[in-house]
Amino acid sequence: MKVLVYRWDIFPYDDIINELKEQGHIVDVLAFPVKSHIKDEAFEEKLAGYLEHGGYNAVFSINYYTTISNVCHKYKIKYISWTCDAPLVSMRSQSIHNPENIIYVFDKKEYKYFTSNGTDTVRYLPLAGAPGRISRLLATNGMYIGEKKYSYDISFVGNLYDKNRYDEMASALPPYLCGYMDAAIEAQLNVSGGNILNIMLTDDIMDRASQYINLKQEEGSEADIKLHFATSVLSYKAAALMRKQAINSLACIADMHIFTTSDTSGLYKTTVHPPVRYLDEMPLVFASSKININITIPNIEDGIPLRVFDILSAGGFLMTDYRPGIEELFEINKDLVVYDGVEDLVYKAEYYLAHNEERELTAANGFNKLQKLHTYKHRVKTMFSL
């Protein structure tokens, strides 16, 4: 199959492109910038030029673009996309019904939402890891999967979401609305493995908020305004508070390290490192940490985020918050450890720091399970077996 890959700045593209080639596909890459995922005439003209003369069987992108789907529909060429964000606002569009689409989503709640509304172009497919590439990287750096060389007790790699839209908007809201939003966020902090923000945003609250802040959607978007506000505003604020609380609590019981571009002035007793490159630095951190922490943003309700697969691919021991779909992919307490809230996170972190053999066996099990069932080789074979 000849595939045109639309590439943007997201982590898994190298692994997917390499796996496509390994499986015998011919791959070209288009990296032209998209100004709007809904309609962008300059991009559409560029893509059309490729499709008119390239002889492609399919176009592929990570996340879904209405503008790509509509061009592929015009030329009757398959458009395969695989989401790494949820919910993906760009999918709230009539274009998802274009018959050329094959849209893979990693969040099962999103899959059920679309299929229950009569959409037959959406399929469920979890994300994946790259244990082969990472094993080679570790070996190049004098490390090996399962080797007991630790530089860090507990590590967190990621964004603290210190710059979020809620903080920008809150000053424009009257006290009673700020109080309501703050209460919704606080309630979310007490929910493990679920998302109640969209439920708490009533029509009345959204009508009142719209009098003070601009809640306009991108032209052409059909996403519900409550979903948009909960996803792009409140959820990131909740995640910011959740992550700082967890990191500060862990720092009280162990040597805590964080790798981030975020403002860390709200952290204490934590060793702060510069951000690490995804492909060649981040796996070294995971392999060098006794415990790696994943803290999922509330937007993701029934899916396993990419960070889980990244950590297990490096042979790292993982502690993650709960999401319903995790039991379908991994065995809890055998392949990885799930925590329920900050108190449970601290308790289990102390336990596994004191039980080396149990921790290392869990990490080895997680790596083996991922290598057997959840690699890019498995996912690419599924997506491109047309």
Protein backbone atom coordinates (compact mmCIF):
# COMPACT_ATOMS: atom_id res chain seq x y z
CA MET A 1 0.00 0.00 0.00
CA LYS A 2 1.20 3.53 -0.75
CA VAL A 3 0.46 5.83 2.19
CA LEU A 4 0.72 9.60 2.55
CA VAL A 5 1.36 10.46 6.21
CA TYR A 6 0.38 13.93 7.36
CA ARG A 7 2.93 14.70 10.03
CA TRP A 8 2.74 17.26 12.82
CA ASP A 9 4.63 17.74 16.05
CA ILE A 10 3.45 14.75 18.05
CA PHE A 11 5.50 11.98 19.57
CA PRO A 12 4.59 8.63 17.93
CA TYR A 13 5.06 9.56 14.27
CA ASP A 14 8.57 8.14 13.90
CA ASP A 15 7.52 4.79 15.34
CA ILE A 16 4.44 4.61 13.11
CA ILE A 17 6.27 5.62 9.94
CA ASN A 18 9.09 3.15 10.61
CA GLU A 19 6.59 0.36 11.29
CA LEU A 20 4.67 1.12 8.10
CA LYS A 21 7.90 0.72 6.15
CA GLU A 22 8.80 -2.45 8.06
CA GLN A 23 5.47 -3.96 7.04
CA GLY A 24 6.14 -3.25 3.37
CA HIS A 25 4.18 -0.06 2.78
CA ILE A 26 5.50 2.81 0.67
CA VAL A 27 5.42 6.01 2.74
CA ASP A 28 5.56 9.69 1.80
CA VAL A 29 5.32 12.45 4.40
CA LEU A 30 3.45 15.75 4.15
CA ALA A 31 4.41 18.29 6.84
CA PHE A 32 2.62 21.39 5.53
CA PRO A 33 1.15 23.42 8.45
CA VAL A 34 -2.61 23.37 9.06
CA LYS A 35 -4.12 26.62 10.31
CA SER A 36 -7.55 25.10 10.93
CA HIS A 37 -8.51 21.46 11.32
CA ILE A 38 -11.95 22.31 9.87
CA LYS A 39 -11.16 24.23 6.69
CA ASP A 40 -7.83 25.51 5.37
CA GLU A 41 -7.73 26.32 1.66
CA ALA A 42 -3.93 26.52 1.39
CA PHE A 43 -3.51 23.13 3.07
CA GLU A 44 -6.32 21.57 1.05
CA GLU A 45 -4.69 22.74 -2.17
CA LYS A 46 -1.37 21.25 -1.08
CA LEU A 47 -2.95 17.92 -0.11
CA ALA A 48 -4.96 17.79 -3.33
CA GLY A 49 -1.74 18.18 -5.32
CA TYR A 50 -0.31 15.11 -3.61
CA LEU A 51 -3.46 13.05 -4.11
CA GLU A 52 -3.91 13.95 -7.77
CA HIS A 53 -0.51 12.68 -8.84
CA GLY A 54 0.83 10.44 -6.04
CA GLY A 55 -1.08 7.22 -6.60
CA TYR A 56 -1.86 6.86 -2.89
CA ASN A 57 -4.11 4.18 -1.42
CA ALA A 58 -4.57 6.01 1.88
CA VAL A 59 -3.79 9.14 3.88
CA PHE A 60 -2.90 8.77 7.56
CA SER A 61 -2.75 11.23 10.45
CA ILE A 62 -2.60 11.15 14.22
CA ASN A 63 -5.85 12.77 15.38
CA TYR A 64 -8.68 13.56 13.01
CA TYR A 65 -8.85 16.53 10.63
CA THR A 66 -12.07 17.55 8.91
CA THR A 67 -10.04 19.31 6.22
CA ILE A 68 -8.12 16.10 5.38
CA SER A 69 -11.27 14.00 5.43
CA ASN A 70 -13.06 16.27 2.98
CA VAL A 71 -10.17 16.26 0.50
CA CYS A 72 -9.91 12.47 0.73
CA HIS A 73 -13.67 12.26 0.19
CA LYS A 74 -13.33 14.33 -2.98
CA TYR A 75 -10.66 11.99 -4.37
CA LYS A 76 -12.23 8.77 -2.99
CA ILE A 77 -9.06 7.87 -1.09
CA LYS A 78 -9.10 6.18 2.31
CA TYR A 79 -8.41 8.44 5.28
CA ILE A 80 -7.09 6.56 8.32
CA SER A 81 -6.66 8.48 11.56
CA TRP A 82 -5.76 7.40 15.10
CA THR A 83 -6.54 9.67 18.03
CA CYS A 84 -4.15 10.32 20.90
CA ASP A 85 -6.38 12.98 22.54
CA ALA A 86 -9.84 12.58 24.04
CA PRO A 87 -12.39 13.89 23.60
CA LEU A 88 -11.27 15.15 20.22
CA VAL A 89 -13.37 18.23 19.47
CA SER A 90 -12.52 18.03 15.76
CA MET A 91 -14.56 14.80 15.54
CA ARG A 92 -17.75 16.70 16.36
CA SER A 93 -18.31 17.23 12.66
CA GLN A 94 -20.56 15.87 9.91
CA SER A 95 -17.41 15.00 8.01
CA ILE A 96 -16.86 11.92 10.19
CA HIS A 97 -19.59 10.26 8.12
CA ASN A 98 -17.50 10.48 4.93
CA PRO A 99 -17.32 6.86 3.75
CA GLU A 100 -13.56 7.08 3.13
CA ASN A 101 -12.90 7.54 6.86
CA ILE A 102 -11.53 4.88 9.18
CA ILE A 103 -11.15 6.66 12.53
CA TYR A 104 -9.49 4.79 15.39
CA VAL A 105 -10.07 6.16 18.90
CA PHE A 106 -8.24 5.00 22.03
CA ASP A 107 -10.94 6.07 24.50
CA LYS A 108 -13.77 3.53 24.61
CA LYS A 109 -16.26 6.12 25.86
CA GLU A 110 -15.63 8.14 22.71
CA TYR A 111 -16.08 5.01 20.61
CA LYS A 112 -19.41 4.24 22.29
CA TYR A 113 -20.57 7.84 21.91
CA PHE A 114 -20.10 7.84 18.14
CA THR A 115 -21.34 4.33 17.44
CA SER A 116 -24.46 4.88 19.56
CA ASN A 117 -25.22 7.90 17.36
CA GLY A 118 -25.12 5.81 14.21
CA THR A 119 -21.55 6.51 13.11
CA ASP A 120 -19.99 3.53 11.32
CA THR A 121 -16.58 5.06 10.54
CA VAL A 122 -15.25 5.02 14.14
CA ARG A 123 -13.43 2.04 15.66
CA TYR A 124 -11.73 1.38 19.01
CA LEU A 125 -7.96 0.89 19.11
CA PRO A 126 -5.74 1.41 22.17
CA LEU A 127 -2.44 3.25 21.92
CA ALA A 128 0.87 1.40 21.82
CA GLY A 129 4.55 1.31 22.75
CA ALA A 130 7.90 0.84 21.04
CA PRO A 131 9.83 -1.68 23.17
CA GLY A 132 12.14 -2.68 20.33
CA ARG A 133 13.36 0.84 19.60
CA ILE A 134 13.70 1.66 23.29
CA SER A 135 15.60 -1.55 24.06
CA ARG A 136 18.12 -0.62 21.37
CA LEU A 137 18.36 2.91 22.76
CA LEU A 138 19.03 1.65 26.27
CA ALA A 139 21.70 -0.76 25.04
CA THR A 140 23.42 2.07 23.17
CA ASN A 141 23.57 3.95 26.49
CA GLY A 142 24.95 0.97 28.39
CA MET A 143 21.58 0.03 29.91
CA TYR A 144 19.33 -2.96 29.45
CA ILE A 145 15.68 -3.73 30.14
CA GLY A 146 15.34 -4.86 33.74
CA GLU A 147 18.82 -3.78 34.75
CA LYS A 148 18.93 -2.54 38.35
CA LYS A 149 20.59 0.83 37.93
CA TYR A 150 18.53 3.60 39.50
CA SER A 151 19.21 7.32 39.55
CA TYR A 152 15.81 8.35 40.92
CA ASP A 153 13.38 7.04 43.51
CA ILE A 154 10.21 8.49 41.98
CA SER A 155 9.91 10.36 38.68
CA PHE A 156 7.24 12.30 36.86
CA VAL A 157 7.73 13.43 33.26
CA GLY A 158 5.18 15.87 31.93
CA ASN A 159 3.32 19.15 32.02
CA LEU A 160 1.98 20.74 35.20
CA TYR A 161 -0.49 22.79 33.12
CA ASP A 162 0.52 25.91 35.05
CA LYS A 163 -0.59 27.96 32.03
CA ASN A 164 -4.23 27.09 31.57
CA ARG A 165 -7.25 28.94 30.20
CA TYR A 166 -9.16 28.80 33.47
CA ASP A 167 -6.61 30.98 35.25
CA GLU A 168 -6.83 33.44 32.36
CA MET A 169 -10.65 33.52 32.48
CA ALA A 170 -11.29 33.43 36.23
CA SER A 171 -10.59 37.14 36.76
CA ALA A 172 -13.42 37.99 34.34
CA LEU A 173 -16.02 35.93 36.21
CA PRO A 174 -18.12 37.25 39.11
CA PRO A 175 -17.48 35.65 42.54
CA TYR A 176 -20.51 33.33 42.45
CA LEU A 177 -19.45 31.82 39.10
CA CYS A 178 -15.83 31.50 40.22
CA GLY A 179 -17.09 29.74 43.32
CA TYR A 180 -19.15 27.32 41.27
CA MET A 181 -16.28 26.54 38.89
CA ASP A 182 -13.86 26.10 41.80
CA ALA A 183 -16.30 23.72 43.47
CA ALA A 184 -16.62 21.70 40.26
CA ILE A 185 -12.85 21.44 40.01
CA GLU A 186 -12.55 20.46 43.68
CA ALA A 187 -15.18 17.77 43.20
CA GLN A 188 -13.22 16.44 40.21
CA LEU A 189 -10.12 16.11 42.39
CA ASN A 190 -12.01 13.66 44.58
CA VAL A 191 -13.07 11.44 41.67
CA SER A 192 -10.69 8.65 40.69
CA GLY A 193 -11.06 7.22 37.22
CA GLY A 194 -13.89 9.40 36.03
CA ASN A 195 -14.89 12.86 34.82
CA ILE A 196 -17.79 14.84 36.30
CA LEU A 197 -16.90 18.29 34.93
CA ASN A 198 -19.18 18.11 31.89
CA ILE A 199 -22.06 16.95 34.10
CA MET A 200 -21.62 19.86 36.53
CA LEU A 201 -21.71 22.47 33.77
CA THR A 202 -25.45 23.07 33.48
CA ASP A 203 -27.01 25.08 30.67
CA ASP A 204 -27.78 27.86 33.16
CA ILE A 205 -24.16 28.06 34.33
CA MET A 206 -22.89 28.14 30.75
CA ASP A 207 -25.39 30.86 29.79
CA ARG A 208 -24.25 32.99 32.72
CA ALA A 209 -20.55 32.39 32.05
CA SER A 210 -20.97 33.39 28.39
CA GLN A 211 -21.94 36.89 29.55
CA TYR A 212 -18.43 37.41 30.92
CA ILE A 213 -16.08 35.30 28.81
CA ASN A 214 -15.82 34.45 25.13
CA LEU A 215 -17.02 30.89 24.64
CA LYS A 216 -17.16 30.96 20.84
CA GLN A 217 -16.10 27.87 18.97
CA GLU A 218 -14.01 27.76 15.84
CA GLU A 219 -16.25 28.45 12.85
CA GLY A 220 -17.65 25.20 11.52
CA SER A 221 -17.22 23.26 14.77
CA GLU A 222 -20.24 21.31 15.98
CA ALA A 223 -18.88 20.50 19.44
CA ASP A 224 -21.18 21.12 22.37
CA ILE A 225 -20.05 24.27 24.19
CA LYS A 226 -20.20 22.52 27.57
CA LEU A 227 -17.95 19.76 26.28
CA HIS A 228 -15.56 22.32 24.85
CA PHE A 229 -15.40 24.32 28.10
CA ALA A 230 -15.02 21.24 30.31
CA THR A 231 -12.35 19.79 28.02
CA SER A 232 -10.21 22.80 27.18
CA VAL A 233 -10.68 24.90 30.34
CA LEU A 234 -11.75 23.14 33.55
CA SER A 235 -10.06 19.81 32.89
CA TYR A 236 -6.61 21.37 32.52
CA LYS A 237 -7.05 23.34 35.74
CA ALA A 238 -8.11 20.18 37.57
CA ALA A 239 -5.10 18.35 36.16
CA ALA A 240 -2.79 21.16 37.29
CA LEU A 241 -4.01 20.93 40.87
CA MET A 242 -4.01 17.13 40.80
CA ARG A 243 -0.42 16.89 39.60
CA LYS A 244 1.00 19.42 42.05
CA GLN A 245 -0.80 17.78 44.94
CA ALA A 246 0.50 14.34 44.02
CA ILE A 247 4.08 15.49 43.46
CA ASN A 248 4.23 17.47 46.71
CA SER A 249 2.83 14.53 48.65
CA LEU A 250 5.34 12.09 47.17
CA ALA A 251 8.20 14.49 47.84
CA CYS A 252 7.47 14.14 51.56
CA ILE A 253 8.27 10.43 51.58
CA ALA A 254 10.97 9.94 48.93
CA ASP A 255 13.47 11.48 46.50
CA MET A 256 11.05 13.03 43.98
CA HIS A 257 12.17 14.14 40.51
CA ILE A 258 10.21 16.00 37.84
CA PHE A 259 11.15 16.67 34.20
CA THR A 260 9.11 19.54 32.78
CA THR A 261 8.92 22.89 31.01
CA SER A 262 6.33 24.10 33.53
CA ASP A 263 6.64 26.63 36.33
CA THR A 264 7.56 24.57 39.40
CA SER A 265 7.47 27.34 42.00
CA GLY A 266 4.50 25.64 43.68
CA LEU A 267 6.52 22.48 44.36
CA TYR A 268 8.73 21.76 47.36
CA LYS A 269 11.33 19.12 48.22
CA THR A 270 11.32 18.13 44.56
CA THR A 271 14.35 17.98 42.27
CA VAL A 272 13.43 19.80 39.07
CA HIS A 273 15.09 18.83 35.77
CA PRO A 274 14.83 20.36 32.31
CA PRO A 275 12.40 18.66 29.90
CA VAL A 276 13.62 15.53 28.14
CA ARG A 277 13.36 14.66 24.46
CA TYR A 278 10.70 12.07 23.76
CA LEU A 279 12.64 9.67 21.55
CA ASP A 280 16.11 9.49 23.07
CA GLU A 281 16.03 10.93 26.60
CA MET A 282 12.66 10.17 28.17
CA PRO A 283 13.06 6.36 28.04
CA LEU A 284 16.34 6.68 29.95
CA VAL A 285 14.49 8.43 32.78
CA PHE A 286 11.84 5.70 32.92
CA ALA A 287 14.45 2.94 32.98
CA SER A 288 16.44 4.76 35.68
CA SER A 289 13.52 5.34 38.08
CA LYS A 290 12.38 2.96 40.77
CA ILE A 291 8.84 4.30 40.36
CA ASN A 292 7.31 6.18 37.42
CA ILE A 293 4.05 8.08 37.97
CA ASN A 294 1.28 8.62 35.42
CA ILE A 295 -1.44 11.16 36.26
CA THR A 296 -4.15 11.12 33.59
CA ILE A 297 -5.96 14.30 32.63
CA PRO A 298 -9.73 14.01 33.40
CA ASN A 299 -10.60 14.42 29.68
CA ILE A 300 -9.54 10.81 29.15
CA GLU A 301 -12.39 8.83 30.70
CA ASP A 302 -12.08 5.28 29.38
CA GLY A 303 -8.73 5.11 27.62
CA ILE A 304 -5.11 4.50 28.52
CA PRO A 305 -2.85 7.50 27.75
CA LEU A 306 0.36 7.23 25.78
CA ARG A 307 2.55 7.76 28.86
CA VAL A 308 1.53 4.33 30.22
CA PHE A 309 2.85 2.61 27.09
CA ASP A 310 5.99 4.77 27.06
CA ILE A 311 6.94 3.78 30.61
CA LEU A 312 6.28 0.08 30.15
CA SER A 313 8.21 0.09 26.84
CA ALA A 314 11.32 1.16 28.77
CA GLY A 315 10.91 -1.60 31.34
CA GLY A 316 9.93 0.98 33.94
CA PHE A 317 7.81 0.26 37.00
CA LEU A 318 4.52 2.15 36.61
CA MET A 319 2.00 3.53 39.09
CA THR A 320 -1.01 5.04 37.33
CA ASP A 321 -4.44 6.33 38.24
CA TYR A 322 -7.39 4.15 37.26
CA ARG A 323 -9.26 4.13 33.99
CA PRO A 324 -11.94 1.49 33.25
CA GLY A 325 -10.23 0.07 30.17
CA ILE A 326 -6.97 -0.75 31.88
CA GLU A 327 -8.00 -4.29 32.89
CA GLU A 328 -8.57 -5.18 29.25
CA LEU A 329 -4.94 -4.50 28.39
CA PHE A 330 -2.95 -5.20 31.55
CA GLU A 331 -3.30 -7.13 34.80
CA ILE A 332 -3.42 -4.76 37.76
CA ASN A 333 -0.81 -5.47 40.46
CA LYS A 334 0.95 -7.88 38.11
CA ASP A 335 1.91 -5.71 35.10
CA LEU A 336 1.46 -2.30 36.74
CA VAL A 337 0.03 -0.75 39.88
CA VAL A 338 -3.10 1.41 40.07
CA TYR A 339 -3.65 3.98 42.81
CA ASP A 340 -6.91 5.53 44.04
CA GLY A 341 -6.25 9.12 45.07
CA VAL A 342 -3.22 10.83 46.56
CA GLU A 343 -3.32 9.06 49.92
CA ASP A 344 -3.29 5.65 48.23
CA LEU A 345 -0.56 6.82 45.85
CA VAL A 346 1.72 7.75 48.75
CA TYR A 347 0.98 4.53 50.63
CA LYS A 348 1.74 2.33 47.62
CA ALA A 349 4.84 4.32 46.66
CA GLU A 350 6.27 3.72 50.15
CA TYR A 351 5.41 0.03 49.88
CA TYR A 352 7.06 -0.53 46.50
CA LEU A 353 10.16 1.46 47.39
CA ALA A 354 10.63 -0.98 50.28
CA HIS A 355 9.90 -4.13 48.22
CA ASN A 356 12.48 -4.19 45.44
CA GLU A 357 11.90 -7.71 44.12
CA GLU A 358 8.14 -7.28 43.86
CA ARG A 359 8.55 -3.93 42.13
CA GLU A 360 11.08 -5.25 39.62
CA LEU A 361 9.00 -8.33 38.84
CA THR A 362 5.99 -6.09 38.14
CA ALA A 363 8.06 -3.93 35.80
CA ALA A 364 9.30 -7.03 33.94
CA ASN A 365 5.74 -8.36 33.61
CA GLY A 366 4.53 -5.03 32.26
CA PHE A 367 7.27 -4.92 29.65
CA ASN A 368 6.62 -8.50 28.56
CA LYS A 369 2.86 -7.95 28.28
CA LEU A 370 3.34 -4.81 26.20
CA GLN A 371 5.92 -6.47 23.94
CA LYS A 372 3.59 -9.40 23.35
CA LEU A 373 0.35 -7.50 22.66
CA HIS A 374 0.63 -3.71 22.53
CA THR A 375 3.34 -2.52 20.14
CA TYR A 376 3.16 -0.32 17.06
CA LYS A 377 3.65 -3.47 15.03
CA HIS A 378 0.33 -4.80 16.35
CA ARG A 379 -1.52 -1.51 15.86
CA VAL A 380 -0.22 -0.71 12.36
CA LYS A 381 -1.13 -4.21 11.24
CA THR A 382 -4.68 -3.65 12.50
CA MET A 383 -5.08 -0.20 10.93
CA PHE A 384 -3.69 -1.05 7.51
CA SER A 385 -5.15 -4.52 6.97
CA LEU A 386 -7.72 -3.09 4.55
